[in-house]
N, C-alpha and C. Protein backbone atom coordinates (compact mmCIF):
# COMPACT_ATOMS: atom_id res chain seq x y z
N MET A 1 -33.20 71.22 48.88
CA MET A 1 -31.84 71.59 48.56
C MET A 1 -31.29 72.61 49.56
N MET A 2 -32.14 73.59 49.95
CA MET A 2 -31.71 74.60 50.91
C MET A 2 -31.37 73.97 52.26
N LYS A 3 -32.18 72.99 52.67
CA LYS A 3 -31.91 72.34 53.95
C LYS A 3 -30.58 71.60 53.90
N LEU A 4 -30.30 70.99 52.78
CA LEU A 4 -29.03 70.28 52.63
C LEU A 4 -27.87 71.26 52.71
N ARG A 5 -27.98 72.39 52.04
CA ARG A 5 -26.93 73.40 52.11
C ARG A 5 -26.75 73.93 53.53
N ALA A 6 -27.87 74.18 54.20
CA ALA A 6 -27.80 74.67 55.58
C ALA A 6 -27.13 73.62 56.46
N PHE A 7 -27.49 72.36 56.29
CA PHE A 7 -26.90 71.29 57.08
C PHE A 7 -25.39 71.22 56.83
N ILE A 8 -24.99 71.28 55.57
CA ILE A 8 -23.57 71.22 55.24
C ILE A 8 -22.83 72.40 55.85
N PHE A 9 -23.42 73.60 55.77
CA PHE A 9 -22.79 74.79 56.34
C PHE A 9 -22.60 74.63 57.84
N VAL A 10 -23.65 74.22 58.55
CA VAL A 10 -23.57 74.06 60.00
C VAL A 10 -22.55 72.97 60.34
N PHE A 11 -22.57 71.87 59.61
CA PHE A 11 -21.62 70.79 59.85
C PHE A 11 -20.18 71.28 59.69
N MET A 12 -19.92 72.02 58.62
CA MET A 12 -18.57 72.53 58.39
C MET A 12 -18.16 73.51 59.48
N MET A 13 -19.07 74.34 59.92
CA MET A 13 -18.74 75.28 60.99
C MET A 13 -18.45 74.55 62.29
N LEU A 14 -19.19 73.48 62.56
CA LEU A 14 -18.93 72.70 63.77
C LEU A 14 -17.56 72.02 63.67
N MET A 15 -17.22 71.55 62.50
CA MET A 15 -15.91 70.91 62.32
C MET A 15 -14.79 71.93 62.49
N LEU A 16 -15.02 73.16 62.07
CA LEU A 16 -14.02 74.21 62.21
C LEU A 16 -13.99 74.80 63.61
N GLY A 17 -15.01 74.49 64.39
CA GLY A 17 -15.14 75.09 65.71
C GLY A 17 -13.91 74.93 66.58
N GLY A 18 -13.27 73.77 66.52
CA GLY A 18 -12.08 73.56 67.31
C GLY A 18 -10.87 74.27 66.74
N ALA A 19 -10.92 74.56 65.46
CA ALA A 19 -9.77 75.16 64.80
C ALA A 19 -9.84 76.68 64.78
N GLU A 20 -11.05 77.23 64.70
CA GLU A 20 -11.17 78.68 64.60
C GLU A 20 -11.95 79.21 65.78
N ALA A 21 -11.41 80.23 66.37
CA ALA A 21 -12.08 80.89 67.49
C ALA A 21 -12.15 82.38 67.21
N CYS A 22 -13.25 82.97 67.64
CA CYS A 22 -13.46 84.41 67.43
C CYS A 22 -13.05 85.18 68.67
N LYS A 23 -12.56 86.38 68.43
CA LYS A 23 -12.18 87.27 69.52
C LYS A 23 -12.56 88.69 69.16
N CYS A 24 -12.87 89.49 70.18
CA CYS A 24 -12.97 90.93 69.99
C CYS A 24 -11.54 91.46 70.11
N MET A 25 -11.16 92.29 69.16
CA MET A 25 -9.78 92.76 69.10
C MET A 25 -9.72 94.28 69.14
N MET A 26 -8.67 94.80 69.77
CA MET A 26 -8.33 96.21 69.69
C MET A 26 -6.95 96.25 69.04
N GLY A 27 -6.93 96.49 67.74
CA GLY A 27 -5.68 96.37 66.99
C GLY A 27 -5.25 94.92 66.97
N ASP A 28 -4.05 94.64 67.49
CA ASP A 28 -3.56 93.26 67.57
C ASP A 28 -3.76 92.64 68.94
N THR A 29 -4.44 93.36 69.83
CA THR A 29 -4.62 92.89 71.20
C THR A 29 -6.00 92.28 71.40
N PRO A 30 -6.04 90.99 71.81
CA PRO A 30 -7.35 90.38 72.08
C PRO A 30 -7.94 90.94 73.37
N MET A 31 -9.21 91.24 73.34
CA MET A 31 -9.92 91.78 74.50
C MET A 31 -10.72 90.63 75.12
N HIS A 32 -10.17 90.03 76.17
CA HIS A 32 -10.71 88.79 76.73
C HIS A 32 -12.09 88.95 77.34
N VAL A 33 -12.29 89.94 78.16
CA VAL A 33 -13.58 90.13 78.84
C VAL A 33 -14.68 90.38 77.82
N GLU A 34 -14.40 91.24 76.86
CA GLU A 34 -15.38 91.58 75.83
C GLU A 34 -15.69 90.37 74.95
N THR A 35 -14.68 89.56 74.66
CA THR A 35 -14.87 88.35 73.86
C THR A 35 -15.83 87.40 74.56
N ARG A 36 -15.59 87.16 75.85
CA ARG A 36 -16.46 86.25 76.60
C ARG A 36 -17.88 86.81 76.67
N TYR A 37 -18.01 88.11 76.91
CA TYR A 37 -19.33 88.73 76.99
C TYR A 37 -20.09 88.56 75.68
N CYS A 38 -19.46 88.91 74.56
CA CYS A 38 -20.13 88.83 73.27
C CYS A 38 -20.44 87.39 72.88
N CYS A 39 -19.57 86.47 73.25
CA CYS A 39 -19.80 85.06 72.96
C CYS A 39 -21.09 84.59 73.63
N VAL A 40 -21.22 84.87 74.91
CA VAL A 40 -22.43 84.49 75.65
C VAL A 40 -23.64 85.25 75.12
N GLU A 41 -23.45 86.51 74.79
CA GLU A 41 -24.54 87.36 74.30
C GLU A 41 -25.20 86.79 73.04
N VAL A 42 -24.41 86.17 72.17
CA VAL A 42 -24.97 85.62 70.93
C VAL A 42 -25.27 84.12 71.03
N GLY A 43 -25.18 83.57 72.24
CA GLY A 43 -25.56 82.17 72.46
C GLY A 43 -24.43 81.17 72.34
N GLY A 44 -23.19 81.65 72.37
CA GLY A 44 -22.04 80.76 72.27
C GLY A 44 -21.57 80.27 73.62
N PHE A 45 -20.56 79.43 73.59
CA PHE A 45 -19.98 78.85 74.80
C PHE A 45 -18.48 79.14 74.81
N PRO A 46 -18.07 80.19 75.54
CA PRO A 46 -16.65 80.56 75.53
C PRO A 46 -15.76 79.45 76.07
N ARG A 47 -14.57 79.35 75.50
CA ARG A 47 -13.55 78.42 75.99
C ARG A 47 -12.30 79.25 76.25
N GLY A 48 -11.98 79.39 77.51
CA GLY A 48 -10.84 80.24 77.86
C GLY A 48 -11.13 81.67 77.45
N HIS A 49 -10.25 82.23 76.66
CA HIS A 49 -10.42 83.61 76.19
C HIS A 49 -10.96 83.66 74.76
N ASP A 50 -11.43 82.53 74.25
CA ASP A 50 -11.91 82.44 72.87
C ASP A 50 -13.40 82.11 72.83
N CYS A 51 -14.00 82.41 71.68
CA CYS A 51 -15.37 82.00 71.40
C CYS A 51 -15.30 81.11 70.16
N PRO A 52 -15.39 79.79 70.34
CA PRO A 52 -15.29 78.89 69.18
C PRO A 52 -16.32 79.24 68.11
N ALA A 53 -15.85 79.41 66.89
CA ALA A 53 -16.73 79.80 65.78
C ALA A 53 -17.86 78.80 65.59
N GLY A 54 -17.61 77.54 65.87
CA GLY A 54 -18.64 76.52 65.71
C GLY A 54 -19.82 76.71 66.64
N THR A 55 -19.61 77.37 67.78
CA THR A 55 -20.72 77.57 68.72
C THR A 55 -21.56 78.79 68.37
N ILE A 56 -21.06 79.63 67.45
CA ILE A 56 -21.82 80.82 67.06
C ILE A 56 -21.93 80.92 65.54
N SER A 57 -21.86 79.79 64.86
CA SER A 57 -21.77 79.78 63.39
C SER A 57 -22.87 80.57 62.70
N LYS A 58 -24.06 80.59 63.27
CA LYS A 58 -25.16 81.34 62.65
C LYS A 58 -25.22 82.78 63.14
N HIS A 59 -24.31 83.14 64.03
CA HIS A 59 -24.37 84.46 64.66
C HIS A 59 -23.05 85.22 64.57
N LEU A 60 -22.24 84.93 63.55
CA LEU A 60 -20.94 85.59 63.43
C LEU A 60 -21.10 87.10 63.24
N SER A 61 -22.11 87.50 62.48
CA SER A 61 -22.34 88.94 62.29
C SER A 61 -22.77 89.59 63.59
N ALA A 62 -23.61 88.89 64.36
CA ALA A 62 -24.06 89.43 65.65
C ALA A 62 -22.88 89.55 66.61
N PHE A 63 -21.96 88.58 66.57
CA PHE A 63 -20.76 88.65 67.41
C PHE A 63 -19.95 89.88 67.03
N SER A 64 -19.76 90.09 65.74
CA SER A 64 -19.02 91.26 65.27
C SER A 64 -19.70 92.55 65.71
N ASP A 65 -21.02 92.60 65.58
CA ASP A 65 -21.78 93.79 65.99
C ASP A 65 -21.62 94.05 67.48
N CYS A 66 -21.60 92.97 68.28
CA CYS A 66 -21.42 93.10 69.72
C CYS A 66 -20.05 93.71 70.02
N CYS A 67 -19.02 93.21 69.35
CA CYS A 67 -17.67 93.76 69.56
C CYS A 67 -17.64 95.25 69.21
N LYS A 68 -18.27 95.59 68.08
CA LYS A 68 -18.29 96.99 67.63
C LYS A 68 -19.07 97.88 68.59
N SER A 69 -20.06 97.31 69.28
CA SER A 69 -20.91 98.11 70.16
C SER A 69 -20.24 98.45 71.49
N MET A 70 -19.12 97.82 71.77
CA MET A 70 -18.40 98.11 73.00
C MET A 70 -17.91 99.56 72.97
N GLU A 71 -17.63 100.09 74.14
CA GLU A 71 -17.24 101.50 74.29
C GLU A 71 -16.16 101.95 73.31
N ARG A 72 -15.18 101.10 73.06
CA ARG A 72 -14.06 101.49 72.19
C ARG A 72 -14.21 101.00 70.76
N GLY A 73 -15.32 100.36 70.44
CA GLY A 73 -15.55 99.91 69.08
C GLY A 73 -14.57 98.87 68.59
N PHE A 74 -14.47 97.75 69.32
CA PHE A 74 -13.55 96.68 68.95
C PHE A 74 -14.00 96.01 67.65
N LYS A 75 -13.12 95.20 67.08
CA LYS A 75 -13.43 94.46 65.87
C LYS A 75 -13.32 92.97 66.14
N SER A 76 -14.14 92.19 65.45
CA SER A 76 -14.05 90.74 65.53
C SER A 76 -12.96 90.27 64.57
N ASP A 77 -12.23 89.23 64.97
CA ASP A 77 -11.21 88.67 64.08
C ASP A 77 -11.76 87.53 63.24
N CYS A 78 -13.06 87.23 63.35
CA CYS A 78 -13.68 86.17 62.55
C CYS A 78 -14.25 86.72 61.26
N ARG A 79 -14.19 85.92 60.23
CA ARG A 79 -14.81 86.29 58.96
C ARG A 79 -16.28 85.88 59.01
N CYS A 80 -17.12 86.72 58.49
CA CYS A 80 -18.55 86.43 58.38
C CYS A 80 -18.84 85.99 56.96
N PRO A 81 -19.65 84.94 56.79
CA PRO A 81 -19.97 84.47 55.44
C PRO A 81 -20.57 85.55 54.54
N LYS A 82 -21.38 86.42 55.11
CA LYS A 82 -22.02 87.48 54.32
C LYS A 82 -21.37 88.83 54.57
N GLY A 83 -20.24 88.84 55.24
CA GLY A 83 -19.58 90.10 55.58
C GLY A 83 -20.12 90.66 56.89
N CYS A 84 -19.28 91.36 57.60
CA CYS A 84 -19.69 91.93 58.90
C CYS A 84 -19.85 93.43 58.77
């Protein structure tokens, strides 16, 4: 049952990947360089200035932590399933 739930979760995240992208943000301003860095850091594949959520679906919290660890303490605009 757990494997089925995990499969469904990953499948849904992949389906949302084209629709939802994560960014490191400073207020309302997207931080492009930091977004690309954190995306690659957690094993994602950046597209333009975005990090598709589907490519980091199991690492959304790590992406958020990476954004927070930057010098100015940016925030991720993605929701984490277990909270960030």
